PDB file of all heavy atoms in Angstrom:
ATOM      1  N   GLU A   1     -14.158  11.680  -4.814  1.00  0.00           N
ATOM      2  CA  GLU A   1     -15.067  12.622  -4.164  1.00  0.00           C
ATOM      3  C   GLU A   1     -14.328  13.675  -3.341  1.00  0.00           C
ATOM      4  O   GLU A   1     -14.889  14.719  -3.022  1.00  0.00           O
ATOM      5  CB  GLU A   1     -16.036  11.857  -3.259  1.00  0.00           C
ATOM      6  CG  GLU A   1     -15.331  11.075  -2.140  1.00  0.00           C
ATOM      7  CD  GLU A   1     -16.288  10.336  -1.237  1.00  0.00           C
ATOM      8  OE1 GLU A   1     -17.448  10.811  -1.078  1.00  0.00           O
ATOM      9  OE2 GLU A   1     -15.894   9.304  -0.672  1.00  0.00           O
ATOM     10  N   VAL A   2     -13.077  13.412  -2.988  1.00  0.00           N
ATOM     11  CA  VAL A   2     -12.264  14.366  -2.233  1.00  0.00           C
ATOM     12  C   VAL A   2     -10.956  14.554  -2.992  1.00  0.00           C
ATOM     13  O   VAL A   2     -10.634  13.804  -3.925  1.00  0.00           O
ATOM     14  CB  VAL A   2     -11.997  13.873  -0.798  1.00  0.00           C
ATOM     15  CG1 VAL A   2     -13.271  13.854   0.016  1.00  0.00           C
ATOM     16  CG2 VAL A   2     -11.360  12.480  -0.806  1.00  0.00           C
ATOM     17  N   SER A   3     -10.172  15.546  -2.591  1.00  0.00           N
ATOM     18  CA  SER A   3      -8.955  15.845  -3.342  1.00  0.00           C
ATOM     19  C   SER A   3      -7.813  16.245  -2.416  1.00  0.00           C
ATOM     20  O   SER A   3      -7.999  16.427  -1.211  1.00  0.00           O
ATOM     21  CB  SER A   3      -9.214  16.967  -4.356  1.00  0.00           C
ATOM     22  OG  SER A   3      -9.522  18.177  -3.686  1.00  0.00           O
ATOM     23  N   GLY A   4      -6.624  16.384  -3.018  1.00  0.00           N
ATOM     24  CA  GLY A   4      -5.452  16.868  -2.298  1.00  0.00           C
ATOM     25  C   GLY A   4      -5.054  15.985  -1.134  1.00  0.00           C
ATOM     26  O   GLY A   4      -5.196  14.754  -1.180  1.00  0.00           O
ATOM     27  N   PRO A   5      -4.579  16.585  -0.051  1.00  0.00           N
ATOM     28  CA  PRO A   5      -4.137  15.820   1.117  1.00  0.00           C
ATOM     29  C   PRO A   5      -5.234  14.949   1.720  1.00  0.00           C
ATOM     30  O   PRO A   5      -4.947  13.881   2.269  1.00  0.00           O
ATOM     31  CB  PRO A   5      -3.690  16.909   2.105  1.00  0.00           C
ATOM     32  CG  PRO A   5      -3.335  18.076   1.247  1.00  0.00           C
ATOM     33  CD  PRO A   5      -4.305  18.034   0.104  1.00  0.00           C
ATOM     34  N   VAL A   6      -6.500  15.403   1.624  1.00  0.00           N
ATOM     35  CA  VAL A   6      -7.606  14.601   2.152  1.00  0.00           C
ATOM     36  C   VAL A   6      -7.721  13.292   1.375  1.00  0.00           C
ATOM     37  O   VAL A   6      -7.919  12.222   1.952  1.00  0.00           O
ATOM     38  CB  VAL A   6      -8.937  15.378   2.093  1.00  0.00           C
ATOM     39  CG1 VAL A   6     -10.097  14.505   2.558  1.00  0.00           C
ATOM     40  CG2 VAL A   6      -8.841  16.644   2.950  1.00  0.00           C
ATOM     41  N   LEU A   7      -7.548  13.376   0.054  1.00  0.00           N
ATOM     42  CA  LEU A   7      -7.577  12.160  -0.758  1.00  0.00           C
ATOM     43  C   LEU A   7      -6.414  11.236  -0.384  1.00  0.00           C
ATOM     44  O   LEU A   7      -6.597  10.012  -0.275  1.00  0.00           O
ATOM     45  CB  LEU A   7      -7.504  12.511  -2.240  1.00  0.00           C
ATOM     46  CG  LEU A   7      -7.429  11.327  -3.206  1.00  0.00           C
ATOM     47  CD1 LEU A   7      -8.615  10.385  -3.016  1.00  0.00           C
ATOM     48  CD2 LEU A   7      -7.357  11.819  -4.647  1.00  0.00           C
ATOM     49  N   ASP A   8      -5.234  11.806  -0.165  1.00  0.00           N
ATOM     50  CA  ASP A   8      -4.084  10.994   0.235  1.00  0.00           C
ATOM     51  C   ASP A   8      -4.374  10.228   1.522  1.00  0.00           C
ATOM     52  O   ASP A   8      -4.042   9.040   1.639  1.00  0.00           O
ATOM     53  CB  ASP A   8      -2.848  11.888   0.445  1.00  0.00           C
ATOM     54  CG  ASP A   8      -2.415  12.592  -0.842  1.00  0.00           C
ATOM     55  OD1 ASP A   8      -2.798  12.112  -1.920  1.00  0.00           O
ATOM     56  OD2 ASP A   8      -1.716  13.606  -0.738  1.00  0.00           O
ATOM     57  N   GLU A   9      -4.994  10.908   2.475  1.00  0.00           N
ATOM     58  CA  GLU A   9      -5.308  10.272   3.754  1.00  0.00           C
ATOM     59  C   GLU A   9      -6.330   9.149   3.579  1.00  0.00           C
ATOM     60  O   GLU A   9      -6.207   8.075   4.198  1.00  0.00           O
ATOM     61  CB  GLU A   9      -5.850  11.316   4.737  1.00  0.00           C
ATOM     62  CG  GLU A   9      -4.806  12.354   5.169  1.00  0.00           C
ATOM     63  CD  GLU A   9      -5.426  13.471   5.986  1.00  0.00           C
ATOM     64  OE1 GLU A   9      -6.648  13.388   6.281  1.00  0.00           O
ATOM     65  OE2 GLU A   9      -4.703  14.430   6.331  1.00  0.00           O
ATOM     66  N   ARG A  10      -7.322   9.379   2.734  1.00  0.00           N
ATOM     67  CA  ARG A  10      -8.368   8.369   2.531  1.00  0.00           C
ATOM     68  C   ARG A  10      -7.804   7.154   1.799  1.00  0.00           C
ATOM     69  O   ARG A  10      -8.169   6.007   2.092  1.00  0.00           O
ATOM     70  CB  ARG A  10      -9.542   8.986   1.768  1.00  0.00           C
ATOM     71  CG  ARG A  10     -10.246  10.101   2.533  1.00  0.00           C
ATOM     72  CD  ARG A  10     -11.176   9.579   3.602  1.00  0.00           C
ATOM     73  NE  ARG A  10     -12.385   9.031   3.017  1.00  0.00           N
ATOM     74  CZ  ARG A  10     -13.421   9.765   2.615  1.00  0.00           C
ATOM     75  NH1 ARG A  10     -13.384  11.093   2.726  1.00  0.00           N
ATOM     76  NH2 ARG A  10     -14.481   9.184   2.117  1.00  0.00           N
ATOM     77  N   ILE A  11      -6.936   7.392   0.821  1.00  0.00           N
ATOM     78  CA  ILE A  11      -6.307   6.268   0.123  1.00  0.00           C
ATOM     79  C   ILE A  11      -5.492   5.440   1.105  1.00  0.00           C
ATOM     80  O   ILE A  11      -5.491   4.206   1.060  1.00  0.00           O
ATOM     81  CB  ILE A  11      -5.441   6.778  -1.046  1.00  0.00           C
ATOM     82  CG1 ILE A  11      -6.319   7.303  -2.173  1.00  0.00           C
ATOM     83  CG2 ILE A  11      -4.521   5.668  -1.565  1.00  0.00           C
ATOM     84  CD1 ILE A  11      -5.553   7.945  -3.315  1.00  0.00           C
ATOM     85  N   ALA A  12      -4.793   6.126   2.026  1.00  0.00           N
ATOM     86  CA  ALA A  12      -4.004   5.411   3.033  1.00  0.00           C
ATOM     87  C   ALA A  12      -4.890   4.556   3.926  1.00  0.00           C
ATOM     88  O   ALA A  12      -4.483   3.478   4.389  1.00  0.00           O
ATOM     89  CB  ALA A  12      -3.205   6.410   3.875  1.00  0.00           C
ATOM     90  N   MET A  13      -6.115   5.013   4.175  1.00  0.00           N
ATOM     91  CA  MET A  13      -7.040   4.253   5.015  1.00  0.00           C
ATOM     92  C   MET A  13      -7.644   3.068   4.270  1.00  0.00           C
ATOM     93  O   MET A  13      -7.814   1.987   4.823  1.00  0.00           O
ATOM     94  CB  MET A  13      -8.173   5.169   5.509  1.00  0.00           C
ATOM     95  CG  MET A  13      -7.731   6.281   6.448  1.00  0.00           C
ATOM     96  SD  MET A  13      -9.089   7.416   6.837  1.00  0.00           S
ATOM     97  CE  MET A  13     -10.160   6.352   7.803  1.00  0.00           C
ATOM     98  N   VAL A  14      -7.933   3.273   2.990  1.00  0.00           N
ATOM     99  CA  VAL A  14      -8.668   2.280   2.213  1.00  0.00           C
ATOM    100  C   VAL A  14      -7.742   1.313   1.488  1.00  0.00           C
ATOM    101  O   VAL A  14      -8.064   0.141   1.310  1.00  0.00           O
ATOM    102  CB  VAL A  14      -9.591   3.002   1.192  1.00  0.00           C
ATOM    103  CG1 VAL A  14     -10.214   2.012   0.222  1.00  0.00           C
ATOM    104  CG2 VAL A  14     -10.676   3.778   1.917  1.00  0.00           C
ATOM    105  N   GLY A  15      -6.575   1.807   1.065  1.00  0.00           N
ATOM    106  CA  GLY A  15      -5.728   1.042   0.173  1.00  0.00           C
ATOM    107  C   GLY A  15      -4.810   0.038   0.848  1.00  0.00           C
ATOM    108  O   GLY A  15      -4.637   0.024   2.064  1.00  0.00           O
ATOM    109  N   GLN A  16      -4.233  -0.793   0.013  1.00  0.00           N
ATOM    110  CA  GLN A  16      -3.247  -1.783   0.439  1.00  0.00           C
ATOM    111  C   GLN A  16      -1.962  -1.591  -0.362  1.00  0.00           C
ATOM    112  O   GLN A  16      -1.982  -1.046  -1.466  1.00  0.00           O
ATOM    113  CB  GLN A  16      -3.779  -3.208   0.194  1.00  0.00           C
ATOM    114  CG  GLN A  16      -5.025  -3.535   0.991  1.00  0.00           C
ATOM    115  CD  GLN A  16      -5.571  -4.896   0.595  1.00  0.00           C
ATOM    116  OE1 GLN A  16      -5.735  -5.214  -0.567  1.00  0.00           O
ATOM    117  NE2 GLN A  16      -5.856  -5.728   1.599  1.00  0.00           N
ATOM    118  N   MET A  17      -0.846  -2.040   0.211  1.00  0.00           N
ATOM    119  CA  MET A  17       0.421  -1.937  -0.485  1.00  0.00           C
ATOM    120  C   MET A  17       0.357  -2.761  -1.778  1.00  0.00           C
ATOM    121  O   MET A  17      -0.033  -3.929  -1.744  1.00  0.00           O
ATOM    122  CB  MET A  17       1.555  -2.437   0.405  1.00  0.00           C
ATOM    123  CG  MET A  17       2.939  -2.084  -0.100  1.00  0.00           C
ATOM    124  SD  MET A  17       3.247  -0.298  -0.218  1.00  0.00           S
ATOM    125  CE  MET A  17       3.569   0.144   1.483  1.00  0.00           C
ATOM    126  N   PRO A  18       0.699  -2.167  -2.907  1.00  0.00           N
ATOM    127  CA  PRO A  18       0.515  -2.844  -4.199  1.00  0.00           C
ATOM    128  C   PRO A  18       1.642  -3.802  -4.534  1.00  0.00           C
ATOM    129  O   PRO A  18       2.506  -3.511  -5.364  1.00  0.00           O
ATOM    130  CB  PRO A  18       0.472  -1.671  -5.182  1.00  0.00           C
ATOM    131  CG  PRO A  18       1.386  -0.654  -4.556  1.00  0.00           C
ATOM    132  CD  PRO A  18       1.188  -0.788  -3.063  1.00  0.00           C
ATOM    133  N   LEU A  19       1.657  -4.948  -3.887  1.00  0.00           N
ATOM    134  CA  LEU A  19       2.705  -5.916  -4.180  1.00  0.00           C
ATOM    135  C   LEU A  19       2.648  -6.335  -5.650  1.00  0.00           C
ATOM    136  O   LEU A  19       1.569  -6.393  -6.245  1.00  0.00           O
ATOM    137  CB  LEU A  19       2.534  -7.160  -3.303  1.00  0.00           C
ATOM    138  CG  LEU A  19       2.837  -7.004  -1.816  1.00  0.00           C
ATOM    139  CD1 LEU A  19       2.663  -8.349  -1.124  1.00  0.00           C
ATOM    140  CD2 LEU A  19       4.245  -6.479  -1.588  1.00  0.00           C
ATOM    141  N   PRO A  20       3.798  -6.624  -6.253  1.00  0.00           N
ATOM    142  CA  PRO A  20       3.803  -7.070  -7.645  1.00  0.00           C
ATOM    143  C   PRO A  20       2.949  -8.318  -7.828  1.00  0.00           C
ATOM    144  O   PRO A  20       2.794  -9.123  -6.898  1.00  0.00           O
ATOM    145  CB  PRO A  20       5.284  -7.373  -7.902  1.00  0.00           C
ATOM    146  CG  PRO A  20       6.027  -6.565  -6.898  1.00  0.00           C
ATOM    147  CD  PRO A  20       5.149  -6.525  -5.684  1.00  0.00           C
ATOM    148  N   PRO A  21       2.390  -8.514  -9.018  1.00  0.00           N
ATOM    149  CA  PRO A  21       1.491  -9.658  -9.254  1.00  0.00           C
ATOM    150  C   PRO A  21       2.111 -11.009  -8.933  1.00  0.00           C
ATOM    151  O   PRO A  21       1.430 -11.895  -8.434  1.00  0.00           O
ATOM    152  CB  PRO A  21       1.181  -9.544 -10.755  1.00  0.00           C
ATOM    153  CG  PRO A  21       1.412  -8.110 -11.089  1.00  0.00           C
ATOM    154  CD  PRO A  21       2.515  -7.641 -10.189  1.00  0.00           C
ATOM    155  N   TYR A  22       3.428 -11.144  -9.178  1.00  0.00           N
ATOM    156  CA  TYR A  22       4.059 -12.445  -8.954  1.00  0.00           C
ATOM    157  C   TYR A  22       4.272 -12.743  -7.473  1.00  0.00           C
ATOM    158  O   TYR A  22       4.557 -13.883  -7.105  1.00  0.00           O
ATOM    159  CB  TYR A  22       5.387 -12.543  -9.714  1.00  0.00           C
ATOM    160  CG  TYR A  22       6.228 -11.296  -9.668  1.00  0.00           C
ATOM    161  CD1 TYR A  22       6.980 -10.967  -8.551  1.00  0.00           C
ATOM    162  CD2 TYR A  22       6.273 -10.437 -10.748  1.00  0.00           C
ATOM    163  CE1 TYR A  22       7.745  -9.809  -8.503  1.00  0.00           C
ATOM    164  CE2 TYR A  22       7.038  -9.278 -10.720  1.00  0.00           C
ATOM    165  CZ  TYR A  22       7.766  -8.972  -9.599  1.00  0.00           C
ATOM    166  OH  TYR A  22       8.514  -7.820  -9.559  1.00  0.00           O
ATOM    167  N   ILE A  23       4.107 -11.748  -6.608  1.00  0.00           N
ATOM    168  CA  ILE A  23       4.111 -11.989  -5.164  1.00  0.00           C
ATOM    169  C   ILE A  23       2.673 -12.102  -4.656  1.00  0.00           C
ATOM    170  O   ILE A  23       2.324 -13.020  -3.918  1.00  0.00           O
ATOM    171  CB  ILE A  23       4.847 -10.873  -4.402  1.00  0.00           C
ATOM    172  CG1 ILE A  23       6.332 -10.851  -4.783  1.00  0.00           C
ATOM    173  CG2 ILE A  23       4.705 -11.053  -2.894  1.00  0.00           C
ATOM    174  CD1 ILE A  23       7.123  -9.735  -4.114  1.00  0.00           C
ATOM    175  N   ALA A  24       1.830 -11.169  -5.105  1.00  0.00           N
ATOM    176  CA  ALA A  24       0.445 -11.148  -4.653  1.00  0.00           C
ATOM    177  C   ALA A  24      -0.293 -12.434  -5.002  1.00  0.00           C
ATOM    178  O   ALA A  24      -1.228 -12.834  -4.297  1.00  0.00           O
ATOM    179  CB  ALA A  24      -0.273  -9.946  -5.257  1.00  0.00           C
ATOM    180  N   ALA A  25       0.124 -13.108  -6.079  1.00  0.00           N
ATOM    181  CA  ALA A  25      -0.535 -14.355  -6.471  1.00  0.00           C
ATOM    182  C   ALA A  25      -0.183 -15.501  -5.535  1.00  0.00           C
ATOM    183  O   ALA A  25      -0.881 -16.525  -5.506  1.00  0.00           O
ATOM    184  CB  ALA A  25      -0.129 -14.722  -7.901  1.00  0.00           C
ATOM    185  N   LYS A  26       0.874 -15.334  -4.744  1.00  0.00           N
ATOM    186  CA  LYS A  26       1.341 -16.416  -3.888  1.00  0.00           C
ATOM    187  C   LYS A  26       1.056 -16.196  -2.415  1.00  0.00           C
ATOM    188  O   LYS A  26       1.049 -17.141  -1.627  1.00  0.00           O
ATOM    189  CB  LYS A  26       2.849 -16.618  -4.096  1.00  0.00           C
ATOM    190  CG  LYS A  26       3.204 -17.096  -5.500  1.00  0.00           C
ATOM    191  CD  LYS A  26       4.705 -17.246  -5.652  1.00  0.00           C
ATOM    192  CE  LYS A  26       5.064 -17.717  -7.053  1.00  0.00           C
ATOM    193  NZ  LYS A  26       4.547 -19.077  -7.317  1.00  0.00           N
ATOM    194  N   ARG A  27       0.851 -14.947  -2.022  1.00  0.00           N
ATOM    195  CA  ARG A  27       0.533 -14.679  -0.613  1.00  0.00           C
ATOM    196  C   ARG A  27      -0.102 -13.294  -0.502  1.00  0.00           C
ATOM    197  O   ARG A  27       0.143 -12.413  -1.335  1.00  0.00           O
ATOM    198  CB  ARG A  27       1.793 -14.746   0.263  1.00  0.00           C
ATOM    199  CG  ARG A  27       2.827 -13.654  -0.024  1.00  0.00           C
ATOM    200  CD  ARG A  27       3.860 -13.578   1.091  1.00  0.00           C
ATOM    201  NE  ARG A  27       4.841 -12.539   0.865  1.00  0.00           N
ATOM    202  CZ  ARG A  27       4.662 -11.247   1.165  1.00  0.00           C
ATOM    203  NH1 ARG A  27       3.521 -10.838   1.695  1.00  0.00           N
ATOM    204  NH2 ARG A  27       5.620 -10.361   0.944  1.00  0.00           N
ATOM    205  N   PRO A  28      -0.905 -13.049   0.537  1.00  0.00           N
ATOM    206  CA  PRO A  28      -1.507 -11.724   0.701  1.00  0.00           C
ATOM    207  C   PRO A  28      -0.514 -10.714   1.250  1.00  0.00           C
ATOM    208  O   PRO A  28       0.481 -11.069   1.893  1.00  0.00           O
ATOM    209  CB  PRO A  28      -2.645 -11.982   1.702  1.00  0.00           C
ATOM    210  CG  PRO A  28      -2.154 -13.158   2.498  1.00  0.00           C
ATOM    211  CD  PRO A  28      -1.385 -14.021   1.534  1.00  0.00           C
ATOM    212  N   GLU A  29      -0.796  -9.459   1.004  1.00  0.00           N
ATOM    213  CA  GLU A  29      -0.015  -8.375   1.593  1.00  0.00           C
ATOM    214  C   GLU A  29      -0.232  -8.358   3.105  1.00  0.00           C
ATOM    215  O   GLU A  29      -1.327  -8.669   3.588  1.00  0.00           O
ATOM    216  CB  GLU A  29      -0.467  -7.034   0.963  1.00  0.00           C
ATOM    217  CG  GLU A  29       0.136  -5.802   1.586  1.00  0.00           C
ATOM    218  CD  GLU A  29      -0.809  -5.108   2.545  1.00  0.00           C
ATOM    219  OE1 GLU A  29      -1.980  -5.531   2.649  1.00  0.00           O
ATOM    220  OE2 GLU A  29      -0.374  -4.143   3.199  1.00  0.00           O
ATOM    221  N   ASP A  30       0.803  -8.029   3.888  1.00  0.00           N
ATOM    222  CA  ASP A  30       0.661  -7.989   5.340  1.00  0.00           C
ATOM    223  C   ASP A  30       1.430  -6.789   5.902  1.00  0.00           C
ATOM    224  O   ASP A  30       1.976  -5.968   5.151  1.00  0.00           O
ATOM    225  CB  ASP A  30       1.095  -9.302   5.989  1.00  0.00           C
ATOM    226  CG  ASP A  30       2.550  -9.671   5.666  1.00  0.00           C
ATOM    227  OD1 ASP A  30       3.384  -8.751   5.453  1.00  0.00           O
ATOM    228  OD2 ASP A  30       2.870 -10.875   5.633  1.00  0.00           O
ATOM    229  N   GLU A  31       1.464  -6.697   7.229  1.00  0.00           N
ATOM    230  CA  GLU A  31       2.068  -5.525   7.873  1.00  0.00           C
ATOM    231  C   GLU A  31       3.556  -5.388   7.558  1.00  0.00           C
ATOM    232  O   GLU A  31       4.080  -4.281   7.485  1.00  0.00           O
ATOM    233  CB  GLU A  31       1.853  -5.593   9.389  1.00  0.00           C
ATOM    234  CG  GLU A  31       0.405  -5.428   9.812  1.00  0.00           C
ATOM    235  CD  GLU A  31       0.252  -5.450  11.315  1.00  0.00           C
ATOM    236  OE1 GLU A  31       1.280  -5.612  12.022  1.00  0.00           O
ATOM    237  OE2 GLU A  31      -0.884  -5.309  11.791  1.00  0.00           O
ATOM    238  N   ARG A  32       4.235  -6.501   7.372  1.00  0.00           N
ATOM    239  CA  ARG A  32       5.672  -6.428   7.073  1.00  0.00           C
ATOM    240  C   ARG A  32       5.930  -5.710   5.755  1.00  0.00           C
ATOM    241  O   ARG A  32       6.927  -5.001   5.610  1.00  0.00           O
ATOM    242  CB  ARG A  32       6.264  -7.841   7.015  1.00  0.00           C
ATOM    243  CG  ARG A  32       6.419  -8.503   8.364  1.00  0.00           C
ATOM    244  CD  ARG A  32       6.872  -9.948   8.219  1.00  0.00           C
ATOM    245  NE  ARG A  32       8.129 -10.079   7.463  1.00  0.00           N
ATOM    246  CZ  ARG A  32       8.660 -11.255   7.148  1.00  0.00           C
ATOM    247  NH1 ARG A  32       8.045 -12.378   7.503  1.00  0.00           N
ATOM    248  NH2 ARG A  32       9.797 -11.304   6.478  1.00  0.00           N
ATOM    249  N   ASP A  33       5.023  -5.878   4.798  1.00  0.00           N
ATOM    250  CA  ASP A  33       5.220  -5.272   3.481  1.00  0.00           C
ATOM    251  C   ASP A  33       5.183  -3.742   3.535  1.00  0.00           C
ATOM    252  O   ASP A  33       5.799  -3.075   2.701  1.00  0.00           O
ATOM    253  CB  ASP A  33       4.170  -5.774   2.500  1.00  0.00           C
ATOM    254  CG  ASP A  33       4.338  -7.254   2.207  1.00  0.00           C
ATOM    255  OD1 ASP A  33       5.439  -7.661   1.793  1.00  0.00           O
ATOM    256  OD2 ASP A  33       3.361  -8.007   2.405  1.00  0.00           O
ATOM    257  N   ALA A  34       4.463  -3.188   4.503  1.00  0.00           N
ATOM    258  CA  ALA A  34       4.404  -1.733   4.627  1.00  0.00           C
ATOM    259  C   ALA A  34       5.789  -1.140   4.861  1.00  0.00           C
ATOM    260  O   ALA A  34       6.075  -0.010   4.464  1.00  0.00           O
ATOM    261  CB  ALA A  34       3.464  -1.337   5.766  1.00  0.00           C
ATOM    262  N   VAL A  35       6.667  -1.918   5.487  1.00  0.00           N
ATOM    263  CA  VAL A  35       8.054  -1.496   5.709  1.00  0.00           C
ATOM    264  C   VAL A  35       8.969  -2.059   4.632  1.00  0.00           C
ATOM    265  O   VAL A  35       9.787  -1.340   4.044  1.00  0.00           O
ATOM    266  CB  VAL A  35       8.544  -1.948   7.101  1.00  0.00           C
ATOM    267  CG1 VAL A  35      10.020  -1.616   7.289  1.00  0.00           C
ATOM    268  CG2 VAL A  35       7.708  -1.286   8.191  1.00  0.00           C
ATOM    269  N   ASP A  36       8.814  -3.344   4.347  1.00  0.00           N
ATOM    270  CA  ASP A  36       9.729  -4.014   3.408  1.00  0.00           C
ATOM    271  C   ASP A  36       9.655  -3.432   2.011  1.00  0.00           C
ATOM    272  O   ASP A  36      10.665  -3.379   1.300  1.00  0.00           O
ATOM    273  CB  ASP A  36       9.393  -5.504   3.335  1.00  0.00           C
ATOM    274  CG  ASP A  36       9.779  -6.270   4.587  1.00  0.00           C
ATOM    275  OD1 ASP A  36      10.561  -5.719   5.389  1.00  0.00           O
ATOM    276  OD2 ASP A  36       9.303  -7.409   4.768  1.00  0.00           O
ATOM    277  N   TYR A  37       8.463  -3.004   1.574  1.00  0.00           N
ATOM    278  CA  TYR A  37       8.287  -2.541   0.192  1.00  0.00           C
ATOM    279  C   TYR A  37       8.421  -1.015   0.095  1.00  0.00           C
ATOM    280  O   TYR A  37       7.735  -0.366  -0.668  1.00  0.00           O
ATOM    281  CB  TYR A  37       6.917  -2.996  -0.323  1.00  0.00           C
ATOM    282  CG  TYR A  37       6.797  -3.015  -1.832  1.00  0.00           C
ATOM    283  CD1 TYR A  37       7.660  -3.766  -2.622  1.00  0.00           C
ATOM    284  CD2 TYR A  37       5.799  -2.292  -2.480  1.00  0.00           C
ATOM    285  CE1 TYR A  37       7.535  -3.792  -3.996  1.00  0.00           C
ATOM    286  CE2 TYR A  37       5.668  -2.314  -3.861  1.00  0.00           C
ATOM    287  CZ  TYR A  37       6.545  -3.061  -4.609  1.00  0.00           C
ATOM    288  OH  TYR A  37       6.431  -3.082  -5.979  1.00  0.00           O
ATOM    289  N   GLN A  38       9.335  -0.475   0.892  1.00  0.00           N
ATOM    290  CA  GLN A  38       9.607   0.966   0.901  1.00  0.00           C
ATOM    291  C   GLN A  38      11.093   1.155   1.163  1.00  0.00           C
ATOM    292  O   GLN A  38      11.657   0.508   2.048  1.00  0.00           O
ATOM    293  CB  GLN A  38       8.803   1.638   2.014  1.00  0.00           C
ATOM    294  CG  GLN A  38       8.546   3.109   1.876  1.00  0.00           C
ATOM    295  CD  GLN A  38       7.381   3.425   0.940  1.00  0.00           C
ATOM    296  OE1 GLN A  38       7.605   3.646  -0.238  1.00  0.00           O
ATOM    297  NE2 GLN A  38       6.155   3.451   1.454  1.00  0.00           N
ATOM    298  N   THR A  39      11.738   2.017   0.397  1.00  0.00           N
ATOM    299  CA  THR A  39      13.144   2.303   0.668  1.00  0.00           C
ATOM    300  C   THR A  39      13.263   3.102   1.963  1.00  0.00           C
ATOM    301  O   THR A  39      12.315   3.768   2.386  1.00  0.00           O
ATOM    302  CB  THR A  39      13.787   3.096  -0.477  1.00  0.00           C
ATOM    303  OG1 THR A  39      13.149   4.389  -0.576  1.00  0.00           O
ATOM    304  CG2 THR A  39      13.660   2.359  -1.803  1.00  0.00           C
ATOM    305  N   VAL A  40      14.431   3.052   2.595  1.00  0.00           N
ATOM    306  CA  VAL A  40      14.618   3.764   3.854  1.00  0.00           C
ATOM    307  C   VAL A  40      14.678   5.261   3.637  1.00  0.00           C
ATOM    308  O   VAL A  40      14.550   6.044   4.599  1.00  0.00           O
ATOM    309  CB  VAL A  40      15.889   3.278   4.594  1.00  0.00           C
ATOM    310  CG1 VAL A  40      15.761   1.818   4.980  1.00  0.00           C
ATOM    311  CG2 VAL A  40      17.149   3.519   3.775  1.00  0.00           C
ATOM    312  N   TYR A  41      14.877   5.700   2.387  1.00  0.00           N
ATOM    313  CA  TYR A  41      14.980   7.134   2.097  1.00  0.00           C
ATOM    314  C   TYR A  41      13.761   7.647   1.330  1.00  0.00           C
ATOM    315  O   TYR A  41      13.781   8.773   0.805  1.00  0.00           O
ATOM    316  CB  TYR A  41      16.255   7.418   1.297  1.00  0.00           C
ATOM    317  CG  TYR A  41      16.481   6.500   0.118  1.00  0.00           C
ATOM    318  CD1 TYR A  41      15.789   6.686  -1.078  1.00  0.00           C
ATOM    319  CD2 TYR A  41      17.358   5.427   0.210  1.00  0.00           C
ATOM    320  CE1 TYR A  41      15.962   5.837  -2.143  1.00  0.00           C
ATOM    321  CE2 TYR A  41      17.549   4.569  -0.866  1.00  0.00           C
ATOM    322  CZ  TYR A  41      16.852   4.777  -2.033  1.00  0.00           C
ATOM    323  OH  TYR A  41      17.031   3.925  -3.093  1.00  0.00           O
TER     324      TYR A  41
END
């Protein structure tokens, strides 16, 4: 329903970090993953 940067912001509000299936099947995504599942660059 929205586009561009507004859509990016809404996805950030609604979405979760997409952990791989073999991790997500064993535990839920949490705050640590927001940092751990991102390169420093």
